[in-house]
PDB file of N, CA and C in Angstrom:
ATOM      1  N   UNK A   1     100.253 133.473 113.804  1.00  0.00           N
ATOM      2  CA  UNK A   1     101.445 134.238 113.932  1.00  0.00           C
ATOM      3  C   UNK A   1     102.606 133.345 113.535  1.00  0.00           C
ATOM      4  N   UNK A   2     103.397 133.816 112.597  1.00  0.00           N
ATOM      5  CA  UNK A   2     104.554 133.063 112.124  1.00  0.00           C
ATOM      6  C   UNK A   2     105.834 133.661 112.690  1.00  0.00           C
ATOM      7  N   UNK A   3     106.844 132.843 112.834  1.00  0.00           N
ATOM      8  CA  UNK A   3     108.140 133.336 113.288  1.00  0.00           C
ATOM      9  C   UNK A   3     108.190 133.681 114.760  1.00  0.00           C
ATOM     10  N   UNK A   4     107.415 132.975 115.565  1.00  0.00           N
ATOM     11  CA  UNK A   4     107.351 133.287 116.993  1.00  0.00           C
ATOM     12  C   UNK A   4     108.087 132.261 117.862  1.00  0.00           C
ATOM     13  N   UNK A   5     108.916 131.451 117.240  1.00  0.00           N
ATOM     14  CA  UNK A   5     109.647 130.417 117.974  1.00  0.00           C
ATOM     15  C   UNK A   5     110.566 130.958 119.049  1.00  0.00           C
ATOM     16  N   UNK A   6     111.036 132.194 118.896  1.00  0.00           N
ATOM     17  CA  UNK A   6     111.913 132.795 119.899  1.00  0.00           C
ATOM     18  C   UNK A   6     111.227 132.897 121.260  1.00  0.00           C
ATOM     19  N   UNK A   7     109.891 132.954 121.247  1.00  0.00           N
ATOM     20  CA  UNK A   7     109.149 133.037 122.510  1.00  0.00           C
ATOM     21  C   UNK A   7     109.299 131.776 123.355  1.00  0.00           C
ATOM     22  N   UNK A   8     109.798 130.717 122.752  1.00  0.00           N
ATOM     23  CA  UNK A   8     109.993 129.470 123.502  1.00  0.00           C
ATOM     24  C   UNK A   8     111.248 129.502 124.371  1.00  0.00           C
ATOM     25  N   UNK A   9     112.127 130.473 124.171  1.00  0.00           N
ATOM     26  CA  UNK A   9     113.401 130.493 124.896  1.00  0.00           C
ATOM     27  C   UNK A   9     113.583 131.779 125.703  1.00  0.00           C
ATOM     28  N   UNK A  10     112.498 132.326 126.210  1.00  0.00           N
ATOM     29  CA  UNK A  10     112.555 133.499 127.084  1.00  0.00           C
ATOM     30  C   UNK A  10     112.578 133.014 128.533  1.00  0.00           C
ATOM     31  N   UNK A  11     112.079 133.833 129.476  1.00  0.00           N
ATOM     32  CA  UNK A  11     112.057 133.426 130.878  1.00  0.00           C
ATOM     33  C   UNK A  11     111.254 132.140 131.075  1.00  0.00           C
ATOM     34  N   UNK A  12     110.307 131.913 130.195  1.00  0.00           N
ATOM     35  CA  UNK A  12     109.526 130.684 130.166  1.00  0.00           C
ATOM     36  C   UNK A  12     109.256 130.382 128.704  1.00  0.00           C
ATOM     37  N   UNK A  13     108.635 129.263 128.420  1.00  0.00           N
ATOM     38  CA  UNK A  13     108.197 128.972 127.056  1.00  0.00           C
ATOM     39  C   UNK A  13     106.898 129.747 126.855  1.00  0.00           C
ATOM     40  N   UNK A  14     107.033 131.000 126.472  1.00  0.00           N
ATOM     41  CA  UNK A  14     105.870 131.885 126.370  1.00  0.00           C
ATOM     42  C   UNK A  14     104.888 131.441 125.296  1.00  0.00           C
ATOM     43  N   UNK A  15     105.368 130.846 124.234  1.00  0.00           N
ATOM     44  CA  UNK A  15     104.464 130.379 123.188  1.00  0.00           C
ATOM     45  C   UNK A  15     103.561 129.277 123.731  1.00  0.00           C
ATOM     46  N   UNK A  16     104.146 128.352 124.456  1.00  0.00           N
ATOM     47  CA  UNK A  16     103.371 127.282 125.081  1.00  0.00           C
ATOM     48  C   UNK A  16     102.422 127.845 126.142  1.00  0.00           C
ATOM     49  N   UNK A  17     102.915 128.796 126.923  1.00  0.00           N
ATOM     50  CA  UNK A  17     102.082 129.393 127.974  1.00  0.00           C
ATOM     51  C   UNK A  17     100.887 130.131 127.381  1.00  0.00           C
ATOM     52  N   UNK A  18     101.093 130.858 126.292  1.00  0.00           N
ATOM     53  CA  UNK A  18      99.993 131.575 125.650  1.00  0.00           C
ATOM     54  C   UNK A  18      98.997 130.582 125.060  1.00  0.00           C
ATOM     55  N   UNK A  19      99.499 129.569 124.373  1.00  0.00           N
ATOM     56  CA  UNK A  19      98.612 128.563 123.779  1.00  0.00           C
ATOM     57  C   UNK A  19      97.784 127.862 124.856  1.00  0.00           C
ATOM     58  N   UNK A  20      98.432 127.438 125.939  1.00  0.00           N
ATOM     59  CA  UNK A  20      97.709 126.756 127.020  1.00  0.00           C
ATOM     60  C   UNK A  20      96.751 127.696 127.744  1.00  0.00           C
ATOM     61  N   UNK A  21      97.178 128.947 127.928  1.00  0.00           N
ATOM     62  CA  UNK A  21      96.313 129.922 128.588  1.00  0.00           C
ATOM     63  C   UNK A  21      95.069 130.223 127.766  1.00  0.00           C
ATOM     64  N   UNK A  22      95.244 130.404 126.478  1.00  0.00           N
ATOM     65  CA  UNK A  22      94.081 130.651 125.623  1.00  0.00           C
ATOM     66  C   UNK A  22      93.142 129.455 125.611  1.00  0.00           C
ATOM     67  N   UNK A  23      93.714 128.259 125.576  1.00  0.00           N
ATOM     68  CA  UNK A  23      92.888 127.050 125.632  1.00  0.00           C
ATOM     69  C   UNK A  23      92.101 127.003 126.937  1.00  0.00           C
ATOM     70  N   UNK A  24      92.747 127.353 128.045  1.00  0.00           N
ATOM     71  CA  UNK A  24      92.061 127.377 129.340  1.00  0.00           C
ATOM     72  C   UNK A  24      90.920 128.391 129.360  1.00  0.00           C
ATOM     73  N   UNK A  25      91.035 129.408 128.512  1.00  0.00           N
ATOM     74  CA  UNK A  25      90.001 130.450 128.423  1.00  0.00           C
ATOM     75  C   UNK A  25      88.910 130.101 127.430  1.00  0.00           C
ATOM     76  N   UNK A  26      88.989 128.934 126.820  1.00  0.00           N
ATOM     77  CA  UNK A  26      87.970 128.526 125.869  1.00  0.00           C
ATOM     78  C   UNK A  26      88.243 128.950 124.435  1.00  0.00           C
ATOM     79  N   UNK A  27      89.479 129.323 124.141  1.00  0.00           N
ATOM     80  CA  UNK A  27      89.863 129.728 122.786  1.00  0.00           C
ATOM     81  C   UNK A  27      90.588 128.566 122.121  1.00  0.00           C
ATOM     82  N   UNK A  28      90.200 128.248 120.895  1.00  0.00           N
ATOM     83  CA  UNK A  28      90.851 127.166 120.154  1.00  0.00           C
ATOM     84  C   UNK A  28      92.100 127.707 119.482  1.00  0.00           C
ATOM     85  N   UNK A  29      93.229 127.048 119.717  1.00  0.00           N
ATOM     86  CA  UNK A  29      94.510 127.451 119.133  1.00  0.00           C
ATOM     87  C   UNK A  29      95.216 126.232 118.560  1.00  0.00           C
ATOM     88  N   UNK A  30      96.120 126.491 117.635  1.00  0.00           N
ATOM     89  CA  UNK A  30      97.021 125.475 117.102  1.00  0.00           C
ATOM     90  C   UNK A  30      98.425 126.040 117.225  1.00  0.00           C
ATOM     91  N   UNK A  31      99.306 125.302 117.890  1.00  0.00           N
ATOM     92  CA  UNK A  31     100.678 125.775 118.093  1.00  0.00           C
ATOM     93  C   UNK A  31     101.660 124.792 117.485  1.00  0.00           C
ATOM     94  N   UNK A  32     102.747 125.347 116.969  1.00  0.00           N
ATOM     95  CA  UNK A  32     103.837 124.551 116.441  1.00  0.00           C
ATOM     96  C   UNK A  32     105.141 125.126 116.932  1.00  0.00           C
ATOM     97  N   UNK A  33     106.258 124.611 116.451  1.00  0.00           N
ATOM     98  CA  UNK A  33     107.554 125.086 116.919  1.00  0.00           C
ATOM     99  C   UNK A  33     107.772 126.583 116.704  1.00  0.00           C
ATOM    100  N   UNK A  34     107.208 127.142 115.624  1.00  0.00           N
ATOM    101  CA  UNK A  34     107.466 128.533 115.269  1.00  0.00           C
ATOM    102  C   UNK A  34     106.190 129.261 114.825  1.00  0.00           C
ATOM    103  N   UNK A  35     105.026 128.742 115.262  1.00  0.00           N
ATOM    104  CA  UNK A  35     103.753 129.295 114.800  1.00  0.00           C
ATOM    105  C   UNK A  35     102.689 129.175 115.891  1.00  0.00           C
ATOM    106  N   UNK A  36     101.791 130.140 115.921  1.00  0.00           N
ATOM    107  CA  UNK A  36     100.609 130.079 116.780  1.00  0.00           C
ATOM    108  C   UNK A  36      99.433 130.584 115.969  1.00  0.00           C
ATOM    109  N   UNK A  37      98.433 129.733 115.819  1.00  0.00           N
ATOM    110  CA  UNK A  37      97.213 130.101 115.119  1.00  0.00           C
ATOM    111  C   UNK A  37      96.082 130.169 116.136  1.00  0.00           C
ATOM    112  N   UNK A  38      95.398 131.300 116.177  1.00  0.00           N
ATOM    113  CA  UNK A  38      94.261 131.492 117.075  1.00  0.00           C
ATOM    114  C   UNK A  38      93.010 131.456 116.214  1.00  0.00           C
ATOM    115  N   UNK A  39      92.104 130.551 116.537  1.00  0.00           N
ATOM    116  CA  UNK A  39      90.874 130.382 115.776  1.00  0.00           C
ATOM    117  C   UNK A  39      89.766 131.169 116.473  1.00  0.00           C
ATOM    118  N   UNK A  40      89.359 132.269 115.884  1.00  0.00           N
ATOM    119  CA  UNK A  40      88.322 133.115 116.476  1.00  0.00           C
ATOM    120  C   UNK A  40      86.967 132.441 116.457  1.00  0.00           C
ATOM    121  N   UNK A  41      86.082 132.921 117.313  1.00  0.00           N
ATOM    122  CA  UNK A  41      84.734 132.371 117.379  1.00  0.00           C
ATOM    123  C   UNK A  41      83.663 133.414 117.063  1.00  0.00           C
ATOM    124  N   UNK A  42      84.090 134.625 116.696  1.00  0.00           N
ATOM    125  CA  UNK A  42      83.135 135.661 116.359  1.00  0.00           C
ATOM    126  C   UNK A  42      82.527 136.364 117.557  1.00  0.00           C
ATOM    127  N   UNK A  43      83.026 136.084 118.745  1.00  0.00           N
ATOM    128  CA  UNK A  43      82.483 136.701 119.948  1.00  0.00           C
ATOM    129  C   UNK A  43      83.562 136.850 121.002  1.00  0.00           C
ATOM    130  N   UNK A  44      83.151 137.239 122.196  1.00  0.00           N
ATOM    131  CA  UNK A  44      84.126 137.430 123.276  1.00  0.00           C
ATOM    132  C   UNK A  44      84.712 136.101 123.763  1.00  0.00           C
ATOM    133  N   UNK A  45      85.843 136.207 124.416  1.00  0.00           N
ATOM    134  CA  UNK A  45      86.497 135.043 125.020  1.00  0.00           C
ATOM    135  C   UNK A  45      85.662 134.604 126.226  1.00  0.00           C
ATOM    136  N   UNK A  46      85.357 133.298 126.347  1.00  0.00           N
ATOM    137  CA  UNK A  46      84.569 132.846 127.494  1.00  0.00           C
ATOM    138  C   UNK A  46      85.231 133.163 128.836  1.00  0.00           C
ATOM    139  N   UNK A  47      86.537 132.906 128.972  1.00  0.00           N
ATOM    140  CA  UNK A  47      87.251 133.196 130.218  1.00  0.00           C
ATOM    141  C   UNK A  47      87.025 132.151 131.280  1.00  0.00           C
ATOM    142  N   UNK A  48      87.488 132.465 132.490  1.00  0.00           N
ATOM    143  CA  UNK A  48      87.258 131.601 133.637  1.00  0.00           C
ATOM    144  C   UNK A  48      88.293 130.526 133.866  1.00  0.00           C
ATOM    145  N   UNK A  49      89.306 130.426 133.020  1.00  0.00           N
ATOM    146  CA  UNK A  49      90.306 129.374 133.170  1.00  0.00           C
ATOM    147  C   UNK A  49      91.384 129.722 134.167  1.00  0.00           C
ATOM    148  N   UNK A  50      92.099 128.715 134.614  1.00  0.00           N
ATOM    149  CA  UNK A  50      93.269 128.907 135.471  1.00  0.00           C
ATOM    150  C   UNK A  50      94.499 128.839 134.580  1.00  0.00           C
ATOM    151  N   UNK A  51      95.238 129.914 134.492  1.00  0.00           N
ATOM    152  CA  UNK A  51      96.391 130.006 133.597  1.00  0.00           C
ATOM    153  C   UNK A  51      97.673 129.758 134.368  1.00  0.00           C
ATOM    154  N   UNK A  52      98.474 128.826 133.887  1.00  0.00           N
ATOM    155  CA  UNK A  52      99.782 128.561 134.478  1.00  0.00           C
ATOM    156  C   UNK A  52     100.746 129.649 134.015  1.00  0.00           C
ATOM    157  N   UNK A  53     101.248 130.452 134.934  1.00  0.00           N
ATOM    158  CA  UNK A  53     102.088 131.592 134.588  1.00  0.00           C
ATOM    159  C   UNK A  53     103.562 131.243 134.447  1.00  0.00           C
ATOM    160  N   UNK A  54     103.989 130.127 134.984  1.00  0.00           N
ATOM    161  CA  UNK A  54     105.405 129.753 135.004  1.00  0.00           C
ATOM    162  C   UNK A  54     106.254 130.861 135.629  1.00  0.00           C
ATOM    163  N   UNK A  55     105.679 131.594 136.557  1.00  0.00           N
ATOM    164  CA  UNK A  55     106.310 132.729 137.236  1.00  0.00           C
ATOM    165  C   UNK A  55     106.788 133.805 136.256  1.00  0.00           C
ATOM    166  N   UNK A  56     106.122 133.907 135.103  1.00  0.00           N
ATOM    167  CA  UNK A  56     106.458 134.898 134.092  1.00  0.00           C
ATOM    168  C   UNK A  56     105.417 136.012 134.176  1.00  0.00           C
ATOM    169  N   UNK A  57     105.842 137.194 134.619  1.00  0.00           N
ATOM    170  CA  UNK A  57     104.887 138.276 134.853  1.00  0.00           C
ATOM    171  C   UNK A  57     104.219 138.748 133.570  1.00  0.00           C
ATOM    172  N   UNK A  58     104.857 138.609 132.431  1.00  0.00           N
ATOM    173  CA  UNK A  58     104.223 139.024 131.175  1.00  0.00           C
ATOM    174  C   UNK A  58     103.032 138.132 130.841  1.00  0.00           C
ATOM    175  N   UNK A  59     103.171 136.849 131.080  1.00  0.00           N
ATOM    176  CA  UNK A  59     102.067 135.919 130.849  1.00  0.00           C
ATOM    177  C   UNK A  59     100.941 136.217 131.831  1.00  0.00           C
ATOM    178  N   UNK A  60     101.286 136.361 133.087  1.00  0.00           N
ATOM    179  CA  UNK A  60     100.269 136.602 134.113  1.00  0.00           C
ATOM    180  C   UNK A  60      99.493 137.885 133.850  1.00  0.00           C
ATOM    181  N   UNK A  61     100.190 138.972 133.586  1.00  0.00           N
ATOM    182  CA  UNK A  61      99.505 140.246 133.373  1.00  0.00           C
ATOM    183  C   UNK A  61      98.653 140.204 132.102  1.00  0.00           C
ATOM    184  N   UNK A  62      99.141 139.552 131.067  1.00  0.00           N
ATOM    185  CA  UNK A  62      98.374 139.450 129.822  1.00  0.00           C
ATOM    186  C   UNK A  62      97.043 138.743 130.048  1.00  0.00           C
ATOM    187  N   UNK A  63      97.079 137.647 130.778  1.00  0.00           N
ATOM    188  CA  UNK A  63      95.845 136.898 130.981  1.00  0.00           C
ATOM    189  C   UNK A  63      94.933 137.535 132.020  1.00  0.00           C
ATOM    190  N   UNK A  64      95.475 138.295 132.940  1.00  0.00           N
ATOM    191  CA  UNK A  64      94.607 139.041 133.852  1.00  0.00           C
ATOM    192  C   UNK A  64      93.843 140.126 133.087  1.00  0.00           C
ATOM    193  N   UNK A  65      94.500 140.766 132.121  1.00  0.00           N
ATOM    194  CA  UNK A  65      93.821 141.748 131.277  1.00  0.00           C
ATOM    195  C   UNK A  65      92.764 141.051 130.425  1.00  0.00           C
ATOM    196  N   UNK A  66      93.108 139.908 129.850  1.00  0.00           N
ATOM    197  CA  UNK A  66      92.132 139.151 129.069  1.00  0.00           C
ATOM    198  C   UNK A  66      90.902 138.816 129.916  1.00  0.00           C
ATOM    199  N   UNK A  67      91.137 138.466 131.167  1.00  0.00           N
ATOM    200  CA  UNK A  67      90.033 138.130 132.057  1.00  0.00           C
ATOM    201  C   UNK A  67      89.064 139.277 132.259  1.00  0.00           C
ATOM    202  N   UNK A  68      89.565 140.506 132.240  1.00  0.00           N
ATOM    203  CA  UNK A  68      88.670 141.654 132.414  1.00  0.00           C
ATOM    204  C   UNK A  68      87.779 141.871 131.201  1.00  0.00           C
ATOM    205  N   UNK A  69      88.192 141.364 130.043  1.00  0.00           N
ATOM    206  CA  UNK A  69      87.392 141.524 128.829  1.00  0.00           C
ATOM    207  C   UNK A  69      86.636 140.247 128.474  1.00  0.00           C
ATOM    208  N   UNK A  70      86.702 139.247 129.332  1.00  0.00           N
ATOM    209  CA  UNK A  70      86.062 137.963 129.050  1.00  0.00           C
ATOM    210  C   UNK A  70      84.544 138.103 129.049  1.00  0.00           C
ATOM    211  N   UNK A  71      83.909 137.110 128.468  1.00  0.00           N
ATOM    212  CA  UNK A  71      82.455 137.110 128.326  1.00  0.00           C
ATOM    213  C   UNK A  71      81.729 137.321 129.654  1.00  0.00           C
ATOM    214  N   UNK A  72      82.185 136.672 130.696  1.00  0.00           N
ATOM    215  CA  UNK A  72      81.551 136.777 132.008  1.00  0.00           C
ATOM    216  C   UNK A  72      82.587 137.161 133.059  1.00  0.00           C
ATOM    217  N   UNK A  73      83.192 138.339 132.931  1.00  0.00           N
ATOM    218  CA  UNK A  73      84.288 138.677 133.848  1.00  0.00           C
ATOM    219  C   UNK A  73      83.867 138.795 135.298  1.00  0.00           C
ATOM    220  N   UNK A  74      82.639 139.165 135.571  1.00  0.00           N
ATOM    221  CA  UNK A  74      82.245 139.350 136.966  1.00  0.00           C
ATOM    222  C   UNK A  74      82.087 138.017 137.691  1.00  0.00           C
ATOM    223  N   UNK A  75      81.730 136.961 136.966  1.00  0.00           N
ATOM    224  CA  UNK A  75      81.543 135.665 137.597  1.00  0.00           C
ATOM    225  C   UNK A  75      82.688 134.704 137.338  1.00  0.00           C
ATOM    226  N   UNK A  76      83.442 134.936 136.267  1.00  0.00           N
ATOM    227  CA  UNK A  76      84.493 133.968 135.923  1.00  0.00           C
ATOM    228  C   UNK A  76      85.771 134.686 135.516  1.00  0.00           C
ATOM    229  N   UNK A  77      86.217 135.593 136.360  1.00  0.00           N
ATOM    230  CA  UNK A  77      87.465 136.322 136.104  1.00  0.00           C
ATOM    231  C   UNK A  77      88.619 135.335 135.959  1.00  0.00           C
ATOM    232  N   UNK A  78      89.527 135.636 135.076  1.00  0.00           N
ATOM    233  CA  UNK A  78      90.715 134.800 134.928  1.00  0.00           C
ATOM    234  C   UNK A  78      91.477 134.758 136.248  1.00  0.00           C
ATOM    235  N   UNK A  79      92.066 133.629 136.520  1.00  0.00           N
ATOM    236  CA  UNK A  79      92.872 133.472 137.721  1.00  0.00           C
ATOM    237  C   UNK A  79      94.276 133.064 137.315  1.00  0.00           C
ATOM    238  N   UNK A  80      95.269 133.679 137.921  1.00  0.00           N
ATOM    239  CA  UNK A  80      96.657 133.289 137.695  1.00  0.00           C
ATOM    240  C   UNK A  80      97.068 132.337 138.807  1.00  0.00           C
ATOM    241  N   UNK A  81      97.956 131.410 138.485  1.00  0.00           N
ATOM    242  CA  UNK A  81      98.339 130.406 139.471  1.00  0.00           C
ATOM    243  C   UNK A  81      99.404 130.871 140.444  1.00  0.00           C
ATOM    244  N   UNK A  82      99.999 132.017 140.238  1.00  0.00           N
ATOM    245  CA  UNK A  82     101.040 132.538 141.112  1.00  0.00           C
ATOM    246  C   UNK A  82     100.754 134.008 141.385  1.00  0.00           C
ATOM    247  N   UNK A  83     101.194 134.524 142.494  1.00  0.00           N
ATOM    248  CA  UNK A  83     101.036 135.950 142.748  1.00  0.00           C
ATOM    249  C   UNK A  83     102.375 136.689 142.776  1.00  0.00           C
ATOM    250  N   UNK A  84     103.474 135.974 142.859  1.00  0.00           N
ATOM    251  CA  UNK A  84     104.778 136.613 142.934  1.00  0.00           C
ATOM    252  C   UNK A  84     105.123 137.389 141.663  1.00  0.00           C
ATOM    253  N   UNK A  85     104.518 137.039 140.532  1.00  0.00           N
ATOM    254  CA  UNK A  85     104.825 137.690 139.270  1.00  0.00           C
ATOM    255  C   UNK A  85     104.588 139.184 139.323  1.00  0.00           C
ATOM    256  N   UNK A  86     103.638 139.623 140.110  1.00  0.00           N
ATOM    257  CA  UNK A  86     103.262 141.030 140.099  1.00  0.00           C
ATOM    258  C   UNK A  86     104.377 141.944 140.604  1.00  0.00           C
ATOM    259  N   UNK A  87     105.295 141.421 141.360  1.00  0.00           N
ATOM    260  CA  UNK A  87     106.409 142.244 141.844  1.00  0.00           C
ATOM    261  C   UNK A  87     107.266 142.766 140.703  1.00  0.00           C
ATOM    262  N   UNK A  88     107.346 142.036 139.618  1.00  0.00           N
ATOM    263  CA  UNK A  88     108.167 142.470 138.484  1.00  0.00           C
ATOM    264  C   UNK A  88     107.499 143.582 137.693  1.00  0.00           C
ATOM    265  N   UNK A  89     106.167 143.646 137.753  1.00  0.00           N
ATOM    266  CA  UNK A  89     105.436 144.663 136.978  1.00  0.00           C
ATOM    267  C   UNK A  89     104.864 145.767 137.838  1.00  0.00           C
ATOM    268  N   UNK A  90     104.727 145.538 139.114  1.00  0.00           N
ATOM    269  CA  UNK A  90     104.057 146.498 139.979  1.00  0.00           C
ATOM    270  C   UNK A  90     104.749 146.527 141.321  1.00  0.00           C
ATOM    271  N   UNK A  91     105.376 147.599 141.649  1.00  0.00           N
ATOM    272  CA  UNK A  91     105.995 147.744 142.974  1.00  0.00           C
ATOM    273  C   UNK A  91     105.074 148.568 143.857  1.00  0.00           C
ATOM    274  N   UNK A  92     104.647 147.981 144.929  1.00  0.00           N
ATOM    275  CA  UNK A  92     103.748 148.712 145.825  1.00  0.00           C
ATOM    276  C   UNK A  92     104.465 149.118 147.102  1.00  0.00           C
TER     277      UNK A  92
END
């Protein structure tokens, strides 16, 4: 993805958070100041990583969804490091 440098100056450095989160999930990525390259493996995402959300609900919700589609979601569901993020996306 080119031209994504703006994601570095949102509520968190979302580009860095996505790159680190994907790496934690077993996905190989290359990130630069204004680029993110995701190297596919021809199969499902392994999953099971702990993703640092930086209290950004968009990052947290994205990786929780990824965890449901991971290779072994029943045994290695993605885990978010914070729970407060859900208040911004889900009011109960």
